[in-house]
Amino acid sequence: MTAGSVLGVLAVLAIAAAPSLQLFLLAWLLAGMAMSATLYAPAFTAIAGWAGHRRVRALTAVTLVAGLASTVFAPLTALLLQQLSWRHTYLVLALILVVTIPLHWWGLTPAWTPLTHTHKNASAGERARVARQPEFVLLVAALTLGGFCVYAVAVNLVPLLTEHGISTTEAALALGIGGAGQVAGRLVYGPVLTRFSARIRTVATLTAGSLTTLALAVVHQPLALVGALSFAAGAARGIFTLIEATAVSDRWGAQSLGARNGILFGAVMAASAFAPWLGTLLATALGGYAPAFAVLALGCLLAGVLVRPHHADARG
């Protein structure tokens, strides 16, 4: 994560200084590599390894703080853009990002559980085995499809609402209410939802995502009701983040945690990366965002069907 922070600073500086579109895109590829090394995926794996049975509380704390990132930096970036050019704005953001380098280097110091010699020798074979395990494959498929649907809903909510007569400002407000819903969902996950099995939590969350997405496809007025639906959809989205974070450790514990999480998070991240474009493409193909949201609701429901019980779910 320290190396990712260093690469992130260099990438943002390269974005700011890029003299051509080609180098600008290359700088963004470097930024994507930095994000893969510093955001949720590596943080969740580290926390699950350090926190043990207390991982849900630790994961919730991280996601609550990280969930405020856009709340803090979106208006800060807008303020900088009012005073500076976009290139100088990126330079300021790069300077802020430098702070994360020593925080990672000195802050992420808990000792890892030592691996035995046998585990080290079997690691490559173990990674190949878990990648082919049918239950794990279905879990990856379910969360990838579910992740695509919930993220596509989030990024396409504003065009959905403006398409049906709501102003851009009001649509942005509804989207912000959804962000508040994410925080609320994460707050209730630990004390409420962890009482149920991993499968029940996952299926219930995906079902809630499906129902709220379908409701948003149908209901576009009044704004107060749309805001309430956005809040509910945001809550499901916030819970989904923690479902993803704990999916492997809840089912298999620390066994091949890094290998499993790498595959799972990589698949979900790829789906979320394509969600804005494919969501818009779907709306274009179907003649509007409302039918696209209906299809996304169906996809979320299908994702829940793919989730299979695990021996660790017996208590639920």
C-alpha atoms as a PDB file:
ATOM      1  CA  MET A   1       0.000   0.000   0.000  1.00  0.00           C
ATOM      2  CA  THR A   2       2.964   2.319   0.570  1.00  0.00           C
ATOM      3  CA  ALA A   3       4.218   1.570  -2.931  1.00  0.00           C
ATOM      4  CA  GLY A   4       0.713   2.228  -4.230  1.00  0.00           C
ATOM      5  CA  SER A   5       0.680   5.629  -2.545  1.00  0.00           C
ATOM      6  CA  VAL A   6       4.037   6.527  -4.108  1.00  0.00           C
ATOM      7  CA  LEU A   7       2.761   5.433  -7.512  1.00  0.00           C
ATOM      8  CA  GLY A   8      -0.448   7.392  -6.900  1.00  0.00           C
ATOM      9  CA  VAL A   9       1.442  10.620  -6.303  1.00  0.00           C
ATOM     10  CA  LEU A  10       3.509  10.092  -9.441  1.00  0.00           C
ATOM     11  CA  ALA A  11       0.384   9.260 -11.454  1.00  0.00           C
ATOM     12  CA  VAL A  12      -1.486  12.384 -10.351  1.00  0.00           C
ATOM     13  CA  LEU A  13       1.560  14.508 -11.147  1.00  0.00           C
ATOM     14  CA  ALA A  14       1.724  12.858 -14.569  1.00  0.00           C
ATOM     15  CA  ILE A  15      -1.969  13.586 -15.138  1.00  0.00           C
ATOM     16  CA  ALA A  16      -1.397  17.229 -14.285  1.00  0.00           C
ATOM     17  CA  ALA A  17       1.588  17.520 -16.623  1.00  0.00           C
ATOM     18  CA  ALA A  18       0.367  15.325 -19.510  1.00  0.00           C
ATOM     19  CA  PRO A  19       1.070  17.191 -22.796  1.00  0.00           C
ATOM     20  CA  SER A  20      -1.091  14.899 -24.956  1.00  0.00           C
ATOM     21  CA  LEU A  21      -4.172  12.702 -24.766  1.00  0.00           C
ATOM     22  CA  GLN A  22      -2.077   9.544 -25.104  1.00  0.00           C
ATOM     23  CA  LEU A  23       0.128  10.421 -22.119  1.00  0.00           C
ATOM     24  CA  PHE A  24      -2.947  11.572 -20.200  1.00  0.00           C
ATOM     25  CA  LEU A  25      -4.514   8.114 -20.663  1.00  0.00           C
ATOM     26  CA  LEU A  26      -1.242   6.412 -19.725  1.00  0.00           C
ATOM     27  CA  ALA A  27      -1.108   8.472 -16.528  1.00  0.00           C
ATOM     28  CA  TRP A  28      -4.632   7.339 -15.693  1.00  0.00           C
ATOM     29  CA  LEU A  29      -3.598   3.713 -16.201  1.00  0.00           C
ATOM     30  CA  LEU A  30      -0.872   4.291 -13.614  1.00  0.00           C
ATOM     31  CA  ALA A  31      -3.464   5.878 -11.331  1.00  0.00           C
ATOM     32  CA  GLY A  32      -5.627   2.772 -11.716  1.00  0.00           C
ATOM     33  CA  MET A  33      -2.701   0.571 -10.694  1.00  0.00           C
ATOM     34  CA  ALA A  34      -2.154   2.796  -7.662  1.00  0.00           C
ATOM     35  CA  MET A  35      -5.818   2.545  -6.709  1.00  0.00           C
ATOM     36  CA  SER A  36      -5.712  -1.250  -6.928  1.00  0.00           C
ATOM     37  CA  ALA A  37      -2.878  -1.192  -4.366  1.00  0.00           C
ATOM     38  CA  THR A  38      -4.396   1.329  -1.938  1.00  0.00           C
ATOM     39  CA  LEU A  39      -8.187   1.163  -1.901  1.00  0.00           C
ATOM     40  CA  TYR A  40     -10.658  -1.333  -0.426  1.00  0.00           C
ATOM     41  CA  ALA A  41      -9.257  -4.616  -1.773  1.00  0.00           C
ATOM     42  CA  PRO A  42      -5.840  -4.604  -0.053  1.00  0.00           C
ATOM     43  CA  ALA A  43      -7.227  -2.821   3.005  1.00  0.00           C
ATOM     44  CA  PHE A  44      -9.966  -5.413   3.486  1.00  0.00           C
ATOM     45  CA  THR A  45      -7.496  -8.280   3.150  1.00  0.00           C
ATOM     46  CA  ALA A  46      -5.127  -6.725   5.678  1.00  0.00           C
ATOM     47  CA  ILE A  47      -7.906  -5.997   8.176  1.00  0.00           C
ATOM     48  CA  ALA A  48      -9.368  -9.489   7.889  1.00  0.00           C
ATOM     49  CA  GLY A  49      -5.912 -10.889   8.611  1.00  0.00           C
ATOM     50  CA  TRP A  50      -5.259  -8.604  11.583  1.00  0.00           C
ATOM     51  CA  ALA A  51      -8.638  -8.235  13.257  1.00  0.00           C
ATOM     52  CA  GLY A  52      -9.842 -11.856  13.362  1.00  0.00           C
ATOM     53  CA  HIS A  53     -13.342 -12.175  14.819  1.00  0.00           C
ATOM     54  CA  ARG A  54     -13.451  -8.379  15.297  1.00  0.00           C
ATOM     55  CA  ARG A  55     -13.050  -7.770  11.571  1.00  0.00           C
ATOM     56  CA  VAL A  56     -16.641  -6.578  11.003  1.00  0.00           C
ATOM     57  CA  ARG A  57     -16.204  -3.644  13.390  1.00  0.00           C
ATOM     58  CA  ALA A  58     -12.842  -2.757  11.833  1.00  0.00           C
ATOM     59  CA  LEU A  59     -14.145  -3.087   8.272  1.00  0.00           C
ATOM     60  CA  THR A  60     -17.170  -0.956   9.131  1.00  0.00           C
ATOM     61  CA  ALA A  61     -14.942   1.777  10.541  1.00  0.00           C
ATOM     62  CA  VAL A  62     -12.806   1.821   7.396  1.00  0.00           C
ATOM     63  CA  THR A  63     -15.776   1.921   5.030  1.00  0.00           C
ATOM     64  CA  LEU A  64     -17.479   4.655   7.046  1.00  0.00           C
ATOM     65  CA  VAL A  65     -14.399   6.871   6.866  1.00  0.00           C
ATOM     66  CA  ALA A  66     -13.717   6.013   3.223  1.00  0.00           C
ATOM     67  CA  GLY A  67     -17.363   6.653   2.408  1.00  0.00           C
ATOM     68  CA  LEU A  68     -16.834  10.269   3.441  1.00  0.00           C
ATOM     69  CA  ALA A  69     -14.000  10.717   0.926  1.00  0.00           C
ATOM     70  CA  SER A  70     -16.246  11.974  -1.858  1.00  0.00           C
ATOM     71  CA  THR A  71     -18.189  14.097   0.621  1.00  0.00           C
ATOM     72  CA  VAL A  72     -14.963  15.873   1.584  1.00  0.00           C
ATOM     73  CA  PHE A  73     -12.982  15.929  -1.637  1.00  0.00           C
ATOM     74  CA  ALA A  74     -15.747  16.569  -4.187  1.00  0.00           C
ATOM     75  CA  PRO A  75     -16.504  20.061  -2.802  1.00  0.00           C
ATOM     76  CA  LEU A  76     -12.804  20.661  -2.096  1.00  0.00           C
ATOM     77  CA  THR A  77     -11.938  19.849  -5.700  1.00  0.00           C
ATOM     78  CA  ALA A  78     -14.760  22.063  -6.943  1.00  0.00           C
ATOM     79  CA  LEU A  79     -13.452  24.902  -4.775  1.00  0.00           C
ATOM     80  CA  LEU A  80      -9.928  24.433  -6.118  1.00  0.00           C
ATOM     81  CA  LEU A  81     -11.223  24.463  -9.690  1.00  0.00           C
ATOM     82  CA  GLN A  82     -12.881  27.829  -9.032  1.00  0.00           C
ATOM     83  CA  GLN A  83      -9.511  29.299  -8.064  1.00  0.00           C
ATOM     84  CA  LEU A  84      -7.032  27.284 -10.166  1.00  0.00           C
ATOM     85  CA  SER A  85      -6.732  25.563 -13.519  1.00  0.00           C
ATOM     86  CA  TRP A  86      -7.453  21.830 -13.654  1.00  0.00           C
ATOM     87  CA  ARG A  87      -3.731  21.099 -13.924  1.00  0.00           C
ATOM     88  CA  HIS A  88      -2.892  23.102 -10.811  1.00  0.00           C
ATOM     89  CA  THR A  89      -5.838  21.454  -9.029  1.00  0.00           C
ATOM     90  CA  TYR A  90      -4.273  18.067  -9.703  1.00  0.00           C
ATOM     91  CA  LEU A  91      -0.956  19.347  -8.363  1.00  0.00           C
ATOM     92  CA  VAL A  92      -2.630  20.335  -5.093  1.00  0.00           C
ATOM     93  CA  LEU A  93      -4.332  16.935  -4.863  1.00  0.00           C
ATOM     94  CA  ALA A  94      -0.967  15.237  -5.463  1.00  0.00           C
ATOM     95  CA  LEU A  95       0.512  17.166  -2.536  1.00  0.00           C
ATOM     96  CA  ILE A  96      -2.376  16.024  -0.334  1.00  0.00           C
ATOM     97  CA  LEU A  97      -1.850  12.438  -1.487  1.00  0.00           C
ATOM     98  CA  VAL A  98       1.786  12.561  -0.329  1.00  0.00           C
ATOM     99  CA  VAL A  99       0.471  12.418   3.250  1.00  0.00           C
ATOM    100  CA  THR A 100      -0.691   8.829   2.716  1.00  0.00           C
ATOM    101  CA  ILE A 101       2.854   7.566   2.085  1.00  0.00           C
ATOM    102  CA  PRO A 102       4.149   7.889   5.691  1.00  0.00           C
ATOM    103  CA  LEU A 103       0.717   6.878   7.040  1.00  0.00           C
ATOM    104  CA  HIS A 104       0.950   3.582   5.177  1.00  0.00           C
ATOM    105  CA  TRP A 105       4.635   3.047   5.948  1.00  0.00           C
ATOM    106  CA  TRP A 106       4.414   3.623   9.692  1.00  0.00           C
ATOM    107  CA  GLY A 107       0.748   2.889  10.304  1.00  0.00           C
ATOM    108  CA  LEU A 108       0.323  -0.532   8.736  1.00  0.00           C
ATOM    109  CA  THR A 109       2.640  -2.332  11.142  1.00  0.00           C
ATOM    110  CA  PRO A 110       0.663  -5.168  12.809  1.00  0.00           C
ATOM    111  CA  ALA A 111       2.463  -8.460  12.400  1.00  0.00           C
ATOM    112  CA  TRP A 112       1.110 -10.952   9.896  1.00  0.00           C
ATOM    113  CA  THR A 113       0.497 -14.510  11.074  1.00  0.00           C
ATOM    114  CA  PRO A 114       3.601 -16.420   9.951  1.00  0.00           C
ATOM    115  CA  LEU A 115       3.050 -19.000   7.211  1.00  0.00           C
ATOM    116  CA  THR A 116       4.471 -22.465   7.628  1.00  0.00           C
ATOM    117  CA  HIS A 117       6.899 -23.876   5.109  1.00  0.00           C
ATOM    118  CA  THR A 118       4.176 -26.207   3.803  1.00  0.00           C
ATOM    119  CA  HIS A 119       1.795 -23.344   3.183  1.00  0.00           C
ATOM    120  CA  LYS A 120       4.436 -21.436   1.249  1.00  0.00           C
ATOM    121  CA  ASN A 121       5.163 -24.408  -1.001  1.00  0.00           C
ATOM    122  CA  ALA A 122       1.463 -25.084  -1.574  1.00  0.00           C
ATOM    123  CA  SER A 123       0.458 -21.491  -2.172  1.00  0.00           C
ATOM    124  CA  ALA A 124       0.539 -21.604  -5.970  1.00  0.00           C
ATOM    125  CA  GLY A 125      -1.389 -24.860  -6.106  1.00  0.00           C
ATOM    126  CA  GLU A 126      -3.809 -23.592  -3.490  1.00  0.00           C
ATOM    127  CA  ARG A 127      -4.522 -20.473  -5.520  1.00  0.00           C
ATOM    128  CA  ALA A 128      -5.306 -22.601  -8.561  1.00  0.00           C
ATOM    129  CA  ARG A 129      -7.524 -24.914  -6.520  1.00  0.00           C
ATOM    130  CA  VAL A 130      -9.639 -22.223  -4.889  1.00  0.00           C
ATOM    131  CA  ALA A 131     -10.106 -20.455  -8.198  1.00  0.00           C
ATOM    132  CA  ARG A 132     -11.787 -23.576  -9.577  1.00  0.00           C
ATOM    133  CA  GLN A 133     -13.904 -24.439  -6.538  1.00  0.00           C
ATOM    134  CA  PRO A 134     -17.550 -24.377  -7.760  1.00  0.00           C
ATOM    135  CA  GLU A 135     -18.918 -22.621  -4.678  1.00  0.00           C
ATOM    136  CA  PHE A 136     -16.258 -19.920  -4.916  1.00  0.00           C
ATOM    137  CA  VAL A 137     -16.823 -19.496  -8.664  1.00  0.00           C
ATOM    138  CA  LEU A 138     -20.552 -18.992  -8.071  1.00  0.00           C
ATOM    139  CA  LEU A 139     -19.842 -16.521  -5.265  1.00  0.00           C
ATOM    140  CA  VAL A 140     -17.546 -14.509  -7.540  1.00  0.00           C
ATOM    141  CA  ALA A 141     -20.183 -14.588 -10.297  1.00  0.00           C
ATOM    142  CA  ALA A 142     -22.931 -13.493  -7.886  1.00  0.00           C
ATOM    143  CA  LEU A 143     -21.008 -10.590  -6.363  1.00  0.00           C
ATOM    144  CA  THR A 144     -19.623  -9.492  -9.731  1.00  0.00           C
ATOM    145  CA  LEU A 145     -23.109  -9.337 -11.243  1.00  0.00           C
ATOM    146  CA  GLY A 146     -24.515  -7.744  -8.102  1.00  0.00           C
ATOM    147  CA  GLY A 147     -21.663  -5.232  -7.950  1.00  0.00           C
ATOM    148  CA  PHE A 148     -22.174  -4.258 -11.559  1.00  0.00           C
ATOM    149  CA  CYS A 149     -25.892  -3.670 -10.968  1.00  0.00           C
ATOM    150  CA  VAL A 150     -25.621  -1.644  -7.756  1.00  0.00           C
ATOM    151  CA  TYR A 151     -22.795   0.541  -9.091  1.00  0.00           C
ATOM    152  CA  ALA A 152     -24.548   1.054 -12.437  1.00  0.00           C
ATOM    153  CA  VAL A 153     -27.613   2.250 -10.542  1.00  0.00           C
ATOM    154  CA  ALA A 154     -25.541   4.720  -8.515  1.00  0.00           C
ATOM    155  CA  VAL A 155     -23.731   6.322 -11.451  1.00  0.00           C
ATOM    156  CA  ASN A 156     -26.824   6.451 -13.682  1.00  0.00           C
ATOM    157  CA  LEU A 157     -29.308   7.762 -11.126  1.00  0.00           C
ATOM    158  CA  VAL A 158     -28.898  11.407 -12.144  1.00  0.00           C
ATOM    159  CA  PRO A 159     -29.609  10.822 -15.869  1.00  0.00           C
ATOM    160  CA  LEU A 160     -32.557   8.591 -14.916  1.00  0.00           C
ATOM    161  CA  LEU A 161     -34.136  11.366 -12.876  1.00  0.00           C
ATOM    162  CA  THR A 162     -33.350  14.216 -15.271  1.00  0.00           C
ATOM    163  CA  GLU A 163     -34.857  12.112 -18.062  1.00  0.00           C
ATOM    164  CA  HIS A 164     -38.136  12.234 -16.130  1.00  0.00           C
ATOM    165  CA  GLY A 165     -38.279  15.960 -15.453  1.00  0.00           C
ATOM    166  CA  ILE A 166     -36.269  16.360 -12.254  1.00  0.00           C
ATOM    167  CA  SER A 167     -33.656  19.110 -12.406  1.00  0.00           C
ATOM    168  CA  THR A 168     -29.971  18.271 -12.286  1.00  0.00           C
ATOM    169  CA  THR A 169     -29.659  19.957  -8.888  1.00  0.00           C
ATOM    170  CA  GLU A 170     -32.539  17.943  -7.454  1.00  0.00           C
ATOM    171  CA  ALA A 171     -31.175  14.741  -8.984  1.00  0.00           C
ATOM    172  CA  ALA A 172     -27.764  15.443  -7.455  1.00  0.00           C
ATOM    173  CA  LEU A 173     -29.483  15.959  -4.107  1.00  0.00           C
ATOM    174  CA  ALA A 174     -31.193  12.577  -4.452  1.00  0.00           C
ATOM    175  CA  LEU A 175     -27.824  11.030  -5.245  1.00  0.00           C
ATOM    176  CA  GLY A 176     -26.323  12.660  -2.152  1.00  0.00           C
ATOM    177  CA  ILE A 177     -29.153  11.231  -0.051  1.00  0.00           C
ATOM    178  CA  GLY A 178     -28.156   7.839  -1.414  1.00  0.00           C
ATOM    179  CA  GLY A 179     -24.653   8.474  -0.094  1.00  0.00           C
ATOM    180  CA  ALA A 180     -26.119   9.080   3.352  1.00  0.00           C
ATOM    181  CA  GLY A 181     -27.966   5.786   2.946  1.00  0.00           C
ATOM    182  CA  GLN A 182     -24.651   4.028   2.365  1.00  0.00           C
ATOM    183  CA  VAL A 183     -23.375   5.245   5.722  1.00  0.00           C
ATOM    184  CA  ALA A 184     -26.606   4.157   7.441  1.00  0.00           C
ATOM    185  CA  GLY A 185     -26.434   0.718   5.850  1.00  0.00           C
ATOM    186  CA  ARG A 186     -22.880   0.194   7.040  1.00  0.00           C
ATOM    187  CA  LEU A 187     -23.815   1.253  10.564  1.00  0.00           C
ATOM    188  CA  VAL A 188     -26.534  -1.396  10.883  1.00  0.00           C
ATOM    189  CA  TYR A 189     -24.516  -4.196   9.281  1.00  0.00           C
ATOM    190  CA  GLY A 190     -22.514  -5.182  12.352  1.00  0.00           C
ATOM    191  CA  PRO A 191     -25.147  -5.008  15.108  1.00  0.00           C
ATOM    192  CA  VAL A 192     -28.060  -6.326  13.007  1.00  0.00           C
ATOM    193  CA  LEU A 193     -27.142  -8.337   9.923  1.00  0.00           C
ATOM    194  CA  THR A 194     -24.196 -10.318  11.280  1.00  0.00           C
ATOM    195  CA  ARG A 195     -26.688 -12.291  13.375  1.00  0.00           C
ATOM    196  CA  PHE A 196     -27.647 -14.090  10.176  1.00  0.00           C
ATOM    197  CA  SER A 197     -25.620 -16.462   8.017  1.00  0.00           C
ATOM    198  CA  ALA A 198     -23.379 -15.175   5.247  1.00  0.00           C
ATOM    199  CA  ARG A 199     -25.732 -16.532   2.581  1.00  0.00           C
ATOM    200  CA  ILE A 200     -28.841 -14.949   4.109  1.00  0.00           C
ATOM    201  CA  ARG A 201     -27.071 -11.603   4.426  1.00  0.00           C
ATOM    202  CA  THR A 202     -25.898 -11.729   0.824  1.00  0.00           C
ATOM    203  CA  VAL A 203     -29.220 -12.818  -0.680  1.00  0.00           C
ATOM    204  CA  ALA A 204     -31.177 -10.294   1.416  1.00  0.00           C
ATOM    205  CA  THR A 205     -28.877  -7.449   0.376  1.00  0.00           C
ATOM    206  CA  LEU A 206     -29.047  -8.322  -3.318  1.00  0.00           C
ATOM    207  CA  THR A 207     -32.837  -8.666  -3.082  1.00  0.00           C
ATOM    208  CA  ALA A 208     -33.066  -5.251  -1.423  1.00  0.00           C
ATOM    209  CA  GLY A 209     -30.879  -3.827  -4.191  1.00  0.00           C
ATOM    210  CA  SER A 210     -33.195  -5.368  -6.784  1.00  0.00           C
ATOM    211  CA  LEU A 211     -36.383  -4.009  -5.206  1.00  0.00           C
ATOM    212  CA  THR A 212     -35.038  -0.485  -4.698  1.00  0.00           C
ATOM    213  CA  THR A 213     -33.682  -0.401  -8.254  1.00  0.00           C
ATOM    214  CA  LEU A 214     -37.058  -1.472  -9.643  1.00  0.00           C
ATOM    215  CA  ALA A 215     -38.776   1.171  -7.505  1.00  0.00           C
ATOM    216  CA  LEU A 216     -36.448   3.850  -8.880  1.00  0.00           C
ATOM    217  CA  ALA A 217     -37.289   2.675 -12.402  1.00  0.00           C
ATOM    218  CA  VAL A 218     -40.982   3.272 -11.727  1.00  0.00           C
ATOM    219  CA  VAL A 219     -41.184   6.184  -9.264  1.00  0.00           C
ATOM    220  CA  HIS A 220     -39.851   9.589 -10.354  1.00  0.00           C
ATOM    221  CA  GLN A 221     -42.062  11.986  -8.376  1.00  0.00           C
ATOM    222  CA  PRO A 222     -42.393  13.486  -5.815  1.00  0.00           C
ATOM    223  CA  LEU A 223     -38.802  14.335  -4.962  1.00  0.00           C
ATOM    224  CA  ALA A 224     -39.236  13.367  -1.294  1.00  0.00           C
ATOM    225  CA  LEU A 225     -40.262   9.834  -2.260  1.00  0.00           C
ATOM    226  CA  VAL A 226     -37.424   9.594  -4.782  1.00  0.00           C
ATOM    227  CA  GLY A 227     -35.028  10.694  -2.040  1.00  0.00           C
ATOM    228  CA  ALA A 228     -36.360   8.007   0.288  1.00  0.00           C
ATOM    229  CA  LEU A 229     -35.892   5.354  -2.401  1.00  0.00           C
ATOM    230  CA  SER A 230     -32.385   6.642  -3.116  1.00  0.00           C
ATOM    231  CA  PHE A 231     -31.612   6.406   0.609  1.00  0.00           C
ATOM    232  CA  ALA A 232     -32.822   2.784   0.660  1.00  0.00           C
ATOM    233  CA  ALA A 233     -30.831   1.936  -2.474  1.00  0.00           C
ATOM    234  CA  GLY A 234     -27.770   3.581  -0.918  1.00  0.00           C
ATOM    235  CA  ALA A 235     -28.214   1.542   2.257  1.00  0.00           C
ATOM    236  CA  ALA A 236     -28.244  -1.670   0.207  1.00  0.00           C
ATOM    237  CA  ARG A 237     -25.162  -0.457  -1.657  1.00  0.00           C
ATOM    238  CA  GLY A 238     -23.356   0.338   1.588  1.00  0.00           C
ATOM    239  CA  ILE A 239     -24.157  -3.081   3.016  1.00  0.00           C
ATOM    240  CA  PHE A 240     -23.027  -4.696  -0.231  1.00  0.00           C
ATOM    241  CA  THR A 241     -19.553  -3.210   0.305  1.00  0.00           C
ATOM    242  CA  LEU A 242     -19.281  -5.007   3.646  1.00  0.00           C
ATOM    243  CA  ILE A 243     -20.804  -8.177   2.194  1.00  0.00           C
ATOM    244  CA  GLU A 244     -18.024  -8.137  -0.388  1.00  0.00           C
ATOM    245  CA  ALA A 245     -15.393  -7.379   2.258  1.00  0.00           C
ATOM    246  CA  THR A 246     -16.382 -10.305   4.492  1.00  0.00           C
ATOM    247  CA  ALA A 247     -17.589 -12.806   1.860  1.00  0.00           C
ATOM    248  CA  VAL A 248     -14.402 -14.883   1.847  1.00  0.00           C
ATOM    249  CA  SER A 249     -13.478 -14.685   5.526  1.00  0.00           C
ATOM    250  CA  ASP A 250     -17.049 -15.529   6.593  1.00  0.00           C
ATOM    251  CA  ARG A 251     -17.017 -18.705   4.508  1.00  0.00           C
ATOM    252  CA  TRP A 252     -13.409 -19.911   4.527  1.00  0.00           C
ATOM    253  CA  GLY A 253     -11.749 -17.962   7.333  1.00  0.00           C
ATOM    254  CA  ALA A 254      -8.119 -17.019   6.697  1.00  0.00           C
ATOM    255  CA  GLN A 255      -7.512 -19.973   4.367  1.00  0.00           C
ATOM    256  CA  SER A 256      -6.059 -18.573   1.112  1.00  0.00           C
ATOM    257  CA  LEU A 257      -7.592 -15.222   2.080  1.00  0.00           C
ATOM    258  CA  GLY A 258      -5.342 -13.117  -0.138  1.00  0.00           C
ATOM    259  CA  ALA A 259      -5.754 -15.379  -3.160  1.00  0.00           C
ATOM    260  CA  ARG A 260      -9.528 -15.565  -2.855  1.00  0.00           C
ATOM    261  CA  ASN A 261      -9.943 -11.864  -2.134  1.00  0.00           C
ATOM    262  CA  GLY A 262      -7.686 -10.971  -5.052  1.00  0.00           C
ATOM    263  CA  ILE A 263      -9.894 -12.920  -7.465  1.00  0.00           C
ATOM    264  CA  LEU A 264     -13.165 -11.688  -5.948  1.00  0.00           C
ATOM    265  CA  PHE A 265     -12.231  -8.018  -5.615  1.00  0.00           C
ATOM    266  CA  GLY A 266     -10.612  -7.992  -9.048  1.00  0.00           C
ATOM    267  CA  ALA A 267     -13.801  -9.297 -10.666  1.00  0.00           C
ATOM    268  CA  VAL A 268     -16.089  -6.880  -8.798  1.00  0.00           C
ATOM    269  CA  MET A 269     -13.760  -3.946  -9.510  1.00  0.00           C
ATOM    270  CA  ALA A 270     -13.727  -4.781 -13.220  1.00  0.00           C
ATOM    271  CA  ALA A 271     -17.523  -4.890 -13.229  1.00  0.00           C
ATOM    272  CA  SER A 272     -17.806  -1.570 -11.407  1.00  0.00           C
ATOM    273  CA  ALA A 273     -15.298   0.019 -13.814  1.00  0.00           C
ATOM    274  CA  PHE A 274     -17.498  -0.869 -16.787  1.00  0.00           C
ATOM    275  CA  ALA A 275     -20.774  -0.059 -14.979  1.00  0.00           C
ATOM    276  CA  PRO A 276     -21.017   3.635 -16.042  1.00  0.00           C
ATOM    277  CA  TRP A 277     -20.443   2.869 -19.733  1.00  0.00           C
ATOM    278  CA  LEU A 278     -22.502  -0.324 -19.927  1.00  0.00           C
ATOM    279  CA  GLY A 279     -25.332   1.253 -17.940  1.00  0.00           C
ATOM    280  CA  THR A 280     -25.527   4.110 -20.427  1.00  0.00           C
ATOM    281  CA  LEU A 281     -25.218   1.683 -23.338  1.00  0.00           C
ATOM    282  CA  LEU A 282     -28.083  -0.379 -21.901  1.00  0.00           C
ATOM    283  CA  ALA A 283     -30.256   2.717 -21.558  1.00  0.00           C
ATOM    284  CA  THR A 284     -29.523   3.678 -25.165  1.00  0.00           C
ATOM    285  CA  ALA A 285     -30.367   0.191 -26.417  1.00  0.00           C
ATOM    286  CA  LEU A 286     -33.633   0.022 -24.456  1.00  0.00           C
ATOM    287  CA  GLY A 287     -34.748   3.571 -25.217  1.00  0.00           C
ATOM    288  CA  GLY A 288     -34.450   5.020 -21.733  1.00  0.00           C
ATOM    289  CA  TYR A 289     -32.996   4.712 -18.256  1.00  0.00           C
ATOM    290  CA  ALA A 290     -36.201   3.391 -16.681  1.00  0.00           C
ATOM    291  CA  PRO A 291     -36.185   0.104 -18.657  1.00  0.00           C
ATOM    292  CA  ALA A 292     -32.431  -0.115 -18.089  1.00  0.00           C
ATOM    293  CA  PHE A 293     -33.019   0.102 -14.332  1.00  0.00           C
ATOM    294  CA  ALA A 294     -35.632  -2.653 -14.635  1.00  0.00           C
ATOM    295  CA  VAL A 295     -33.021  -4.891 -16.286  1.00  0.00           C
ATOM    296  CA  LEU A 296     -30.492  -4.000 -13.576  1.00  0.00           C
ATOM    297  CA  ALA A 297     -33.078  -4.940 -10.941  1.00  0.00           C
ATOM    298  CA  LEU A 298     -33.492  -8.328 -12.612  1.00  0.00           C
ATOM    299  CA  GLY A 299     -29.721  -8.775 -12.720  1.00  0.00           C
ATOM    300  CA  CYS A 300     -29.446  -8.062  -9.002  1.00  0.00           C
ATOM    301  CA  LEU A 301     -32.139 -10.642  -8.302  1.00  0.00           C
ATOM    302  CA  LEU A 302     -30.338 -13.206 -10.456  1.00  0.00           C
ATOM    303  CA  ALA A 303     -27.139 -12.528  -8.526  1.00  0.00           C
ATOM    304  CA  GLY A 304     -28.939 -13.530  -5.326  1.00  0.00           C
ATOM    305  CA  VAL A 305     -30.032 -16.800  -6.919  1.00  0.00           C
ATOM    306  CA  LEU A 306     -26.396 -17.666  -7.687  1.00  0.00           C
ATOM    307  CA  VAL A 307     -25.358 -17.532  -4.017  1.00  0.00           C
ATOM    308  CA  ARG A 308     -25.040 -21.050  -2.652  1.00  0.00           C
ATOM    309  CA  PRO A 309     -25.037 -22.214   0.994  1.00  0.00           C
ATOM    310  CA  HIS A 310     -21.729 -23.054   2.658  1.00  0.00           C
ATOM    311  CA  HIS A 311     -21.025 -25.296   5.635  1.00  0.00           C
ATOM    312  CA  ALA A 312     -20.320 -22.156   7.690  1.00  0.00           C
ATOM    313  CA  ASP A 313     -23.917 -21.054   7.033  1.00  0.00           C
ATOM    314  CA  ALA A 314     -25.400 -23.813   9.112  1.00  0.00           C
ATOM    315  CA  ARG A 315     -25.874 -21.477  12.066  1.00  0.00           C
ATOM    316  CA  GLY A 316     -28.117 -19.291   9.881  1.00  0.00           C
END
